[in-house]
Amino acid sequence: MSTQRGGRFERSGPGLGRLVLALVLVLGCEARFVDPHPPELSLLSREQTLAVVDAPMVYGLIFDLHLPDASECSRIKSKLTAAFRAVMLPPGRQGLEMPAQDLSPSCVQLSSRQLSVSTYEQQLLLAESRFGTGRVKPVLIYFNNVELPPPPNLQYSFYSLRQRSTGVPLLWALSTPDSTQGLTFEQKASWTYSGDSVLTTPLEQVARTQLPLVQLEQPPADGFPLFSSQELTWVREFKGCTRLSTLSGANFTYGTQAVRVDKTRPPRIQVTASGSQQGPTPRNGKLQPLVVRFELEVCRANCDRLYDVPPDGELVVWNTTSRCLLKSAP
């Protein structure tokens, strides 16, 4: 019979079925033996879905402007801040605006300027502490109105953002073509002039199409229940007949070996998205819900008795045989 030791489910040991099988071998095979009390088995179909949900909208502005007029400098920064705050975080949308990084204070560009990656990391950690790890992918919007290539320090800091193992942002730019030379941005719009009434319109349209980002919902940390409360009243042992890379046991080893149900600690299943489905992505990328379908072979009684396996009539002890007998495991 199966036992539970140290919080883990173990496969069933020798039982009455093995004793009967040994008796059959001793008596010979002239008469076909049929166990009068075979295992009572059935197949249960299961379906678990991870839905597509909105991710928190986290974004930040990076100012790198050069303007001789101090009042115009202040005015255009306020205009850009208000325009993107309205489109990135409209009423009712979950998210936050990171404090802006101003690479050219007073709108005077210096050749030594660079983006502070450490500041970005701190802001990212704060966002993740609020919304959860794996749910945040910031959108950073870079503004530059000067037709000069970026200095080496600035190029390197943007490169460093791209090389992060986690927390890589989406980079957008409202800038002149020369100012982003050698840099990679997911979205670009051309800077015209600071007084242009439609300066921000192209990126605003992108924001309305792609935001908020979406992702698959995060499953519960302890997984999903494998059986309903009613099923737990009669299922004694079970096997997983469907092998999927996205499927695993949360508190048991999922597979074709028999697992005894502990009603005080019912089995739970984990569903894991593939790498390409993890993390927030633009909403027009057509991310689809993850639907996992699988089958269980369950036993309600006599689980340690002999089962007559068609078509050859092979006699096996159900709960010591690591395969599903009602349907071949794929």
Protein backbone atom coordinates (compact mmCIF):
# COMPACT_ATOMS: atom_id res chain seq x y z
CA MET A 1 0.00 0.00 0.00
CA SER A 2 1.13 3.65 -0.50
CA THR A 3 2.32 5.58 2.50
CA GLN A 4 3.25 9.19 3.17
CA ARG A 5 6.59 9.85 4.83
CA GLY A 6 8.16 13.17 5.64
CA GLY A 7 5.49 15.09 3.73
CA ARG A 8 6.09 13.07 0.49
CA PHE A 9 3.86 10.54 -1.22
CA GLU A 10 5.48 7.14 -1.85
CA ARG A 11 4.53 4.36 -4.22
CA SER A 12 2.53 1.47 -2.87
CA GLY A 13 4.38 -1.59 -1.65
CA PRO A 14 3.51 -5.32 -2.02
CA GLY A 15 -0.10 -6.15 -1.35
CA LEU A 16 -2.70 -8.83 -1.78
CA GLY A 17 -2.51 -8.50 -5.57
CA ARG A 18 1.09 -9.70 -5.63
CA LEU A 19 0.28 -12.66 -3.45
CA VAL A 20 -2.53 -13.66 -5.78
CA LEU A 21 -0.28 -13.22 -8.80
CA ALA A 22 2.34 -15.48 -7.23
CA LEU A 23 -0.36 -18.10 -6.63
CA VAL A 24 -1.38 -17.95 -10.27
CA LEU A 25 2.23 -18.60 -11.36
CA VAL A 26 2.48 -21.59 -9.02
CA LEU A 27 -0.78 -23.15 -10.24
CA GLY A 28 0.11 -22.66 -13.89
CA CYS A 29 -1.75 -21.03 -16.71
CA GLU A 30 -4.08 -23.82 -17.83
CA ALA A 31 -7.04 -21.98 -16.32
CA ARG A 32 -7.34 -18.21 -16.89
CA PHE A 33 -7.43 -16.45 -13.55
CA VAL A 34 -9.73 -13.50 -12.98
CA ASP A 35 -9.41 -11.52 -9.76
CA PRO A 36 -12.87 -11.57 -8.16
CA HIS A 37 -12.23 -8.08 -6.74
CA PRO A 38 -10.28 -6.14 -9.38
CA PRO A 39 -9.39 -2.47 -8.98
CA GLU A 40 -12.28 -0.10 -9.62
CA LEU A 41 -10.79 2.33 -12.11
CA SER A 42 -11.98 5.31 -14.13
CA LEU A 43 -10.54 8.17 -16.19
CA LEU A 44 -11.02 11.78 -15.18
CA SER A 45 -10.41 14.62 -17.65
CA ARG A 46 -8.98 17.84 -16.32
CA GLU A 47 -8.57 21.36 -17.72
CA GLN A 48 -6.73 24.24 -16.11
CA THR A 49 -6.49 27.72 -17.65
CA LEU A 50 -4.19 30.67 -17.05
CA ALA A 51 -6.06 33.72 -18.36
CA VAL A 52 -4.55 36.78 -20.01
CA VAL A 53 -4.65 39.74 -17.60
CA ASP A 54 -3.45 43.35 -17.61
CA ALA A 55 -0.02 43.92 -16.08
CA PRO A 56 0.63 46.96 -13.87
CA MET A 57 1.58 49.95 -16.00
CA VAL A 58 5.00 51.10 -14.77
CA TYR A 59 6.82 53.76 -16.76
CA GLY A 60 9.46 56.46 -16.47
CA LEU A 61 10.59 59.52 -18.44
CA ILE A 62 14.20 60.27 -19.38
CA PHE A 63 14.82 63.91 -20.31
CA ASP A 64 17.87 64.74 -22.40
CA LEU A 65 16.99 68.11 -23.92
CA HIS A 66 19.06 71.10 -24.97
CA LEU A 67 17.22 74.44 -24.97
CA PRO A 68 18.71 77.91 -24.40
CA ASP A 69 15.52 79.34 -22.93
CA ALA A 70 15.05 78.23 -19.30
CA SER A 71 11.34 78.97 -19.32
CA GLU A 72 10.88 76.92 -22.50
CA CYS A 73 12.86 74.11 -20.90
CA SER A 74 10.48 74.01 -17.95
CA ARG A 75 7.41 74.33 -20.16
CA ILE A 76 8.27 71.46 -22.52
CA LYS A 77 9.16 69.11 -19.64
CA SER A 78 5.81 69.85 -18.00
CA LYS A 79 4.04 69.32 -21.31
CA LEU A 80 5.71 65.94 -21.92
CA THR A 81 5.08 64.82 -18.34
CA ALA A 82 1.37 65.67 -18.49
CA ALA A 83 0.83 64.18 -21.96
CA PHE A 84 2.33 60.81 -21.11
CA ARG A 85 0.87 60.64 -17.62
CA ALA A 86 -2.59 60.96 -19.19
CA VAL A 87 -2.05 58.20 -21.74
CA MET A 88 0.04 55.81 -19.62
CA LEU A 89 -2.01 56.00 -16.42
CA PRO A 90 -5.60 56.97 -17.26
CA PRO A 91 -8.14 56.79 -14.41
CA GLY A 92 -8.70 53.24 -13.20
CA ARG A 93 -5.47 51.74 -14.55
CA GLN A 94 -3.16 50.07 -12.03
CA GLY A 95 0.45 51.22 -12.12
CA LEU A 96 2.92 53.92 -11.17
CA GLU A 97 5.11 56.61 -12.67
CA MET A 98 8.79 56.27 -11.80
CA PRO A 99 10.58 59.50 -10.87
CA ALA A 100 11.99 61.04 -14.04
CA GLN A 101 15.71 60.97 -14.79
CA ASP A 102 16.96 64.31 -16.14
CA LEU A 103 20.27 63.74 -17.93
CA SER A 104 20.58 67.44 -18.89
CA PRO A 105 19.43 69.61 -15.98
CA SER A 106 18.42 73.11 -17.07
CA CYS A 107 18.34 71.69 -20.62
CA VAL A 108 22.10 71.90 -21.10
CA GLN A 109 23.61 68.72 -22.53
CA LEU A 110 27.09 67.71 -21.35
CA SER A 111 29.26 65.12 -23.09
CA SER A 112 29.72 63.27 -19.78
CA ARG A 113 26.02 62.69 -19.19
CA GLN A 114 24.71 59.16 -18.66
CA LEU A 115 21.67 57.29 -17.45
CA SER A 116 21.82 56.05 -13.86
CA VAL A 117 21.26 52.29 -14.07
CA SER A 118 21.45 51.96 -10.28
CA THR A 119 18.60 54.46 -9.91
CA TYR A 120 16.55 52.40 -12.37
CA GLU A 121 17.27 49.24 -10.35
CA GLN A 122 16.06 50.90 -7.15
CA GLN A 123 12.87 52.09 -8.84
CA LEU A 124 12.30 48.62 -10.30
CA LEU A 125 12.63 46.98 -6.88
CA LEU A 126 10.09 49.39 -5.43
CA ALA A 127 7.64 48.58 -8.23
CA GLU A 128 8.16 44.84 -7.78
CA SER A 129 7.65 45.10 -4.04
CA ARG A 130 4.31 46.77 -4.73
CA PHE A 131 3.03 44.64 -7.62
CA GLY A 132 5.02 41.41 -7.37
CA THR A 133 8.09 39.95 -9.02
CA GLY A 134 7.48 38.95 -12.61
CA ARG A 135 4.59 41.38 -13.05
CA VAL A 136 6.58 44.51 -13.88
CA LYS A 137 8.13 45.51 -17.21
CA PRO A 138 8.73 49.26 -17.19
CA VAL A 139 8.39 51.42 -20.28
CA LEU A 140 11.11 54.09 -20.39
CA ILE A 141 10.58 57.06 -22.74
CA TYR A 142 13.68 58.98 -23.85
CA PHE A 143 13.48 62.60 -25.09
CA ASN A 144 16.28 64.24 -27.10
CA ASN A 145 15.91 67.23 -29.43
CA VAL A 146 19.53 67.57 -30.60
CA GLU A 147 20.84 66.16 -33.88
CA LEU A 148 24.05 64.71 -32.45
CA PRO A 149 24.95 61.06 -31.75
CA PRO A 150 24.88 59.99 -28.10
CA PRO A 151 28.17 60.21 -26.16
CA PRO A 152 29.91 56.92 -25.18
CA ASN A 153 28.80 56.99 -21.54
CA LEU A 154 25.17 57.34 -22.54
CA GLN A 155 25.45 54.59 -25.12
CA TYR A 156 26.93 52.28 -22.51
CA SER A 157 24.23 52.96 -19.93
CA PHE A 158 21.48 52.12 -22.43
CA TYR A 159 23.44 49.01 -23.41
CA SER A 160 23.59 48.00 -19.73
CA LEU A 161 19.81 48.18 -19.47
CA ARG A 162 19.54 45.78 -22.40
CA GLN A 163 21.96 43.28 -20.87
CA ARG A 164 20.11 42.83 -17.60
CA SER A 165 19.13 39.25 -16.75
CA THR A 166 15.81 40.47 -15.29
CA GLY A 167 13.81 43.67 -15.35
CA VAL A 168 14.74 44.62 -18.91
CA PRO A 169 12.57 47.63 -19.81
CA LEU A 170 10.84 48.53 -23.04
CA LEU A 171 12.57 51.57 -24.51
CA TRP A 172 10.71 54.23 -26.47
CA ALA A 173 12.18 57.40 -27.92
CA LEU A 174 10.83 60.79 -28.98
CA SER A 175 14.01 62.14 -30.51
CA THR A 176 15.99 63.15 -33.55
CA PRO A 177 17.37 60.27 -35.67
CA ASP A 178 21.01 61.12 -34.88
CA SER A 179 20.48 61.19 -31.11
CA THR A 180 19.58 57.47 -31.00
CA GLN A 181 22.31 56.35 -33.37
CA GLY A 182 23.65 52.98 -32.26
CA LEU A 183 20.88 52.54 -29.68
CA THR A 184 17.97 50.09 -29.82
CA PHE A 185 14.42 51.18 -29.06
CA GLU A 186 11.17 49.23 -29.41
CA GLN A 187 9.36 52.38 -30.51
CA LYS A 188 10.62 55.64 -32.05
CA ALA A 189 8.95 58.90 -33.01
CA SER A 190 10.65 61.93 -34.55
CA TRP A 191 11.20 65.11 -32.56
CA THR A 192 9.90 68.05 -34.59
CA TYR A 193 10.05 71.21 -32.45
CA SER A 194 9.12 71.97 -28.87
CA GLY A 195 6.12 74.11 -29.82
CA ASP A 196 4.57 71.43 -32.05
CA SER A 197 1.02 70.78 -30.77
CA VAL A 198 1.14 67.18 -32.05
CA LEU A 199 4.70 66.40 -30.95
CA THR A 200 3.63 63.53 -28.67
CA THR A 201 0.77 62.22 -30.82
CA PRO A 202 2.65 59.35 -32.55
CA LEU A 203 3.82 57.79 -29.28
CA GLU A 204 0.44 58.42 -27.66
CA GLN A 205 -1.14 56.35 -30.43
CA VAL A 206 1.38 53.57 -29.82
CA ALA A 207 0.55 53.66 -26.11
CA ARG A 208 -3.16 53.32 -26.79
CA THR A 209 -2.50 50.31 -29.03
CA GLN A 210 0.07 48.45 -26.92
CA LEU A 211 -0.75 49.38 -23.34
CA PRO A 212 -1.37 48.30 -20.74
CA LEU A 213 0.94 45.35 -21.21
CA VAL A 214 -0.61 41.93 -20.69
CA GLN A 215 0.59 38.64 -19.27
CA LEU A 216 -0.74 35.28 -18.14
CA GLU A 217 -2.21 35.37 -14.68
CA GLN A 218 0.08 34.09 -11.98
CA PRO A 219 -1.09 30.75 -10.55
CA PRO A 220 -1.40 30.33 -6.79
CA ALA A 221 1.92 29.63 -5.09
CA ASP A 222 0.55 26.34 -3.73
CA GLY A 223 -1.02 25.31 -7.04
CA PHE A 224 -4.56 24.35 -8.02
CA PRO A 225 -6.63 21.58 -6.37
CA LEU A 226 -6.53 18.37 -8.39
CA PHE A 227 -9.87 17.02 -7.14
CA SER A 228 -13.17 18.53 -6.09
CA SER A 229 -14.35 18.07 -2.52
CA GLN A 230 -16.87 15.51 -3.75
CA GLU A 231 -14.22 13.53 -5.64
CA LEU A 232 -12.04 13.44 -2.55
CA THR A 233 -14.72 11.36 -0.83
CA TRP A 234 -14.14 8.41 -3.15
CA VAL A 235 -10.76 8.69 -4.93
CA ARG A 236 -8.25 6.50 -3.10
CA GLU A 237 -5.26 6.59 -5.46
CA PHE A 238 -4.49 8.11 -8.84
CA LYS A 239 -2.00 8.30 -11.70
CA GLY A 240 -1.22 11.12 -14.12
CA CYS A 241 -1.65 9.85 -17.67
CA THR A 242 -0.70 12.99 -19.61
CA ARG A 243 2.90 14.17 -19.75
CA LEU A 244 3.24 17.93 -20.26
CA SER A 245 6.20 20.22 -19.62
CA THR A 246 3.79 22.81 -18.23
CA LEU A 247 2.34 20.40 -15.65
CA SER A 248 3.75 19.22 -12.32
CA GLY A 249 2.62 18.23 -8.86
CA ALA A 250 2.77 20.92 -6.19
CA ASN A 251 2.86 18.54 -3.20
CA PHE A 252 3.37 15.18 -4.93
CA THR A 253 5.35 13.73 -7.83
CA TYR A 254 3.16 13.85 -10.92
CA GLY A 255 3.46 10.87 -13.26
CA THR A 256 2.22 7.37 -14.03
CA GLN A 257 3.16 5.97 -10.62
CA ALA A 258 0.25 5.51 -8.21
CA VAL A 259 -0.19 8.17 -5.54
CA ARG A 260 -2.37 7.65 -2.49
CA VAL A 261 -4.71 10.55 -1.65
CA ASP A 262 -4.18 12.11 1.76
CA LYS A 263 -7.47 13.83 2.56
CA THR A 264 -5.75 16.00 5.16
CA ARG A 265 -3.37 17.25 2.49
CA PRO A 266 -5.17 16.93 -0.86
CA PRO A 267 -2.99 16.85 -3.99
CA ARG A 268 -2.50 20.11 -5.88
CA ILE A 269 -1.22 20.72 -9.39
CA GLN A 270 1.14 23.40 -10.72
CA VAL A 271 0.78 24.94 -14.18
CA THR A 272 3.83 26.80 -15.49
CA ALA A 273 3.96 29.00 -18.59
CA SER A 274 6.79 28.54 -21.08
CA GLY A 275 9.55 31.15 -21.28
CA SER A 276 7.96 32.89 -24.26
CA GLN A 277 4.73 33.35 -22.30
CA GLN A 278 6.28 34.72 -19.14
CA GLY A 279 6.51 38.40 -18.33
CA PRO A 280 4.41 41.33 -19.58
CA THR A 281 4.17 41.87 -23.34
CA PRO A 282 2.42 44.44 -25.59
CA ARG A 283 -1.32 43.80 -25.69
CA ASN A 284 -1.40 43.75 -29.51
CA GLY A 285 1.03 40.81 -29.51
CA LYS A 286 -1.93 38.38 -29.42
CA LEU A 287 -0.95 36.55 -26.25
CA GLN A 288 -3.40 33.67 -25.79
CA PRO A 289 -4.61 32.04 -22.56
CA LEU A 290 -2.69 28.92 -21.56
CA VAL A 291 -5.08 25.95 -21.48
CA VAL A 292 -3.70 22.72 -20.04
CA ARG A 293 -5.74 19.53 -20.58
CA PHE A 294 -4.77 16.23 -18.98
CA GLU A 295 -6.21 12.91 -17.81
CA LEU A 296 -5.99 11.06 -14.53
CA GLU A 297 -6.57 7.37 -13.93
CA VAL A 298 -8.20 7.05 -10.53
CA CYS A 299 -8.95 4.10 -8.29
CA ARG A 300 -11.82 4.02 -5.83
CA ALA A 301 -11.34 0.52 -4.36
CA ASN A 302 -9.14 -2.61 -4.49
CA CYS A 303 -6.20 -0.60 -5.76
CA ASP A 304 -3.68 -3.31 -4.76
CA ARG A 305 -5.50 -6.09 -6.61
CA LEU A 306 -4.89 -7.61 -10.04
CA TYR A 307 -6.15 -5.88 -13.15
CA ASP A 308 -6.73 -7.73 -16.43
CA VAL A 309 -5.06 -5.55 -19.07
CA PRO A 310 -6.56 -5.80 -22.55
CA PRO A 311 -6.07 -7.06 -25.19
CA ASP A 312 -3.75 -9.85 -24.00
CA GLY A 313 -5.22 -10.30 -20.56
CA GLU A 314 -1.96 -9.45 -18.78
CA LEU A 315 -2.46 -9.51 -15.03
CA VAL A 316 -0.78 -6.68 -13.15
CA VAL A 317 -1.11 -5.13 -9.71
CA TRP A 318 -2.54 -1.68 -10.47
CA ASN A 319 -0.84 0.41 -7.81
CA THR A 320 2.64 -1.06 -8.37
CA THR A 321 2.52 -0.73 -12.16
CA SER A 322 3.87 2.62 -13.41
CA ARG A 323 1.55 3.15 -16.32
CA CYS A 324 -2.08 3.99 -16.93
CA LEU A 325 -4.04 0.87 -17.81
CA LEU A 326 -7.33 2.29 -19.13
CA LYS A 327 -5.50 4.47 -21.68
CA SER A 328 -1.92 4.44 -22.87
CA ALA A 329 0.08 7.35 -21.60
CA PRO A 330 1.30 9.60 -24.46
